[in-house]
Amino acid sequence: MKRTLMGSKAKARKGSGFLKRMSSKAGQKVIKARRAKGRYRLSV
């Protein structure tokens, strides 16, 4: 039987990786906010 959540690293990067975030204005805002908050991980 398969597990309920089987995420792939490639898909995660494609959808919510750093480069994807930086490619849009809203995504850049997300990175900026996470930097301001002091997040250890800015994106996946």
N, C-alpha and C. Protein backbone atom coordinates (compact mmCIF):
# COMPACT_ATOMS: atom_id res chain seq x y z
N MET A 1 0.84 -1.19 0.00
CA MET A 1 0.00 0.00 0.00
C MET A 1 0.89 1.26 0.00
N LYS A 2 0.48 2.27 -0.78
CA LYS A 2 1.27 3.50 -0.86
C LYS A 2 0.98 4.43 0.31
N ARG A 3 1.92 5.29 0.59
CA ARG A 3 1.74 6.29 1.64
C ARG A 3 0.81 7.40 1.14
N THR A 4 0.28 8.18 2.06
CA THR A 4 -0.63 9.26 1.66
C THR A 4 0.10 10.41 0.99
N LEU A 5 1.25 10.77 1.53
CA LEU A 5 2.02 11.86 0.94
C LEU A 5 3.36 11.37 0.44
N MET A 6 3.54 11.43 -0.87
CA MET A 6 4.81 11.01 -1.45
C MET A 6 5.31 12.12 -2.38
N GLY A 7 5.75 13.21 -1.78
CA GLY A 7 6.21 14.34 -2.57
C GLY A 7 7.56 14.10 -3.21
N SER A 8 7.74 14.61 -4.42
CA SER A 8 9.04 14.47 -5.07
C SER A 8 9.79 15.79 -4.95
N LYS A 9 11.10 15.69 -4.76
CA LYS A 9 11.93 16.89 -4.61
C LYS A 9 11.88 17.75 -5.86
N ALA A 10 11.88 17.10 -7.02
CA ALA A 10 11.87 17.83 -8.28
C ALA A 10 10.61 18.68 -8.42
N LYS A 11 9.47 18.09 -8.07
CA LYS A 11 8.20 18.82 -8.17
C LYS A 11 8.15 19.96 -7.18
N ALA A 12 8.69 19.73 -5.99
CA ALA A 12 8.70 20.77 -4.96
C ALA A 12 9.53 21.97 -5.44
N ARG A 13 10.67 21.68 -6.05
CA ARG A 13 11.54 22.75 -6.54
C ARG A 13 10.89 23.50 -7.69
N LYS A 14 10.23 22.73 -8.56
CA LYS A 14 9.59 23.33 -9.73
C LYS A 14 8.48 24.29 -9.33
N GLY A 15 7.75 23.92 -8.28
CA GLY A 15 6.62 24.74 -7.87
C GLY A 15 6.94 25.82 -6.86
N SER A 16 7.84 25.52 -5.93
CA SER A 16 8.10 26.51 -4.87
C SER A 16 9.57 26.65 -4.51
N GLY A 17 10.43 26.47 -5.50
CA GLY A 17 11.86 26.65 -5.28
C GLY A 17 12.25 28.12 -5.31
N PHE A 18 13.50 28.40 -5.00
CA PHE A 18 14.00 29.78 -4.94
C PHE A 18 13.87 30.49 -6.29
N LEU A 19 14.28 29.83 -7.35
CA LEU A 19 14.25 30.45 -8.68
C LEU A 19 12.82 30.76 -9.13
N LYS A 20 11.91 29.87 -8.78
CA LYS A 20 10.51 30.06 -9.13
C LYS A 20 9.95 31.28 -8.38
N ARG A 21 10.32 31.39 -7.12
CA ARG A 21 9.88 32.53 -6.31
C ARG A 21 10.41 33.85 -6.87
N MET A 22 11.67 33.83 -7.25
CA MET A 22 12.30 35.05 -7.75
C MET A 22 11.81 35.45 -9.14
N SER A 23 11.15 34.55 -9.83
CA SER A 23 10.69 34.83 -11.19
C SER A 23 9.46 35.72 -11.24
N SER A 24 8.77 35.88 -10.10
CA SER A 24 7.60 36.77 -10.09
C SER A 24 7.75 37.83 -9.02
N LYS A 25 7.05 38.93 -9.20
CA LYS A 25 7.11 40.05 -8.26
C LYS A 25 6.60 39.61 -6.89
N ALA A 26 5.50 38.88 -6.88
CA ALA A 26 4.91 38.41 -5.62
C ALA A 26 5.84 37.43 -4.91
N GLY A 27 6.51 36.59 -5.70
CA GLY A 27 7.44 35.62 -5.14
C GLY A 27 8.63 36.30 -4.48
N GLN A 28 9.09 37.38 -5.12
CA GLN A 28 10.21 38.15 -4.57
C GLN A 28 9.81 38.77 -3.24
N LYS A 29 8.54 39.14 -3.15
CA LYS A 29 8.00 39.72 -1.92
C LYS A 29 8.02 38.67 -0.80
N VAL A 30 7.70 37.44 -1.17
CA VAL A 30 7.70 36.32 -0.21
C VAL A 30 9.11 36.12 0.35
N ILE A 31 10.10 36.07 -0.56
CA ILE A 31 11.50 35.88 -0.15
C ILE A 31 11.95 37.03 0.75
N LYS A 32 11.56 38.24 0.36
CA LYS A 32 11.93 39.43 1.13
C LYS A 32 11.35 39.36 2.54
N ALA A 33 10.08 38.94 2.63
CA ALA A 33 9.41 38.83 3.93
C ALA A 33 10.06 37.76 4.80
N ARG A 34 10.43 36.64 4.18
CA ARG A 34 11.06 35.55 4.93
C ARG A 34 12.46 35.95 5.40
N ARG A 35 13.16 36.76 4.58
CA ARG A 35 14.48 37.27 4.97
C ARG A 35 14.32 38.20 6.17
N ALA A 36 13.33 39.09 6.10
CA ALA A 36 13.08 40.06 7.16
C ALA A 36 12.73 39.36 8.47
N LYS A 37 12.01 38.26 8.36
CA LYS A 37 11.59 37.52 9.54
C LYS A 37 12.74 36.69 10.11
N GLY A 38 13.76 36.46 9.27
CA GLY A 38 14.92 35.71 9.72
C GLY A 38 14.78 34.22 9.58
N ARG A 39 14.01 33.81 8.60
CA ARG A 39 13.82 32.37 8.35
C ARG A 39 15.14 31.73 7.95
N TYR A 40 15.37 30.53 8.48
CA TYR A 40 16.58 29.78 8.13
C TYR A 40 16.48 29.31 6.69
N ARG A 41 15.29 28.85 6.30
CA ARG A 41 15.06 28.39 4.92
C ARG A 41 14.16 29.39 4.22
N LEU A 42 14.63 29.98 3.15
CA LEU A 42 13.84 30.96 2.42
C LEU A 42 12.83 30.29 1.50
N SER A 43 13.22 29.13 0.96
CA SER A 43 12.31 28.38 0.09
C SER A 43 12.69 26.91 0.17
N VAL A 44 11.98 26.10 -0.61
CA VAL A 44 12.21 24.65 -0.57
C VAL A 44 13.60 24.27 -1.04
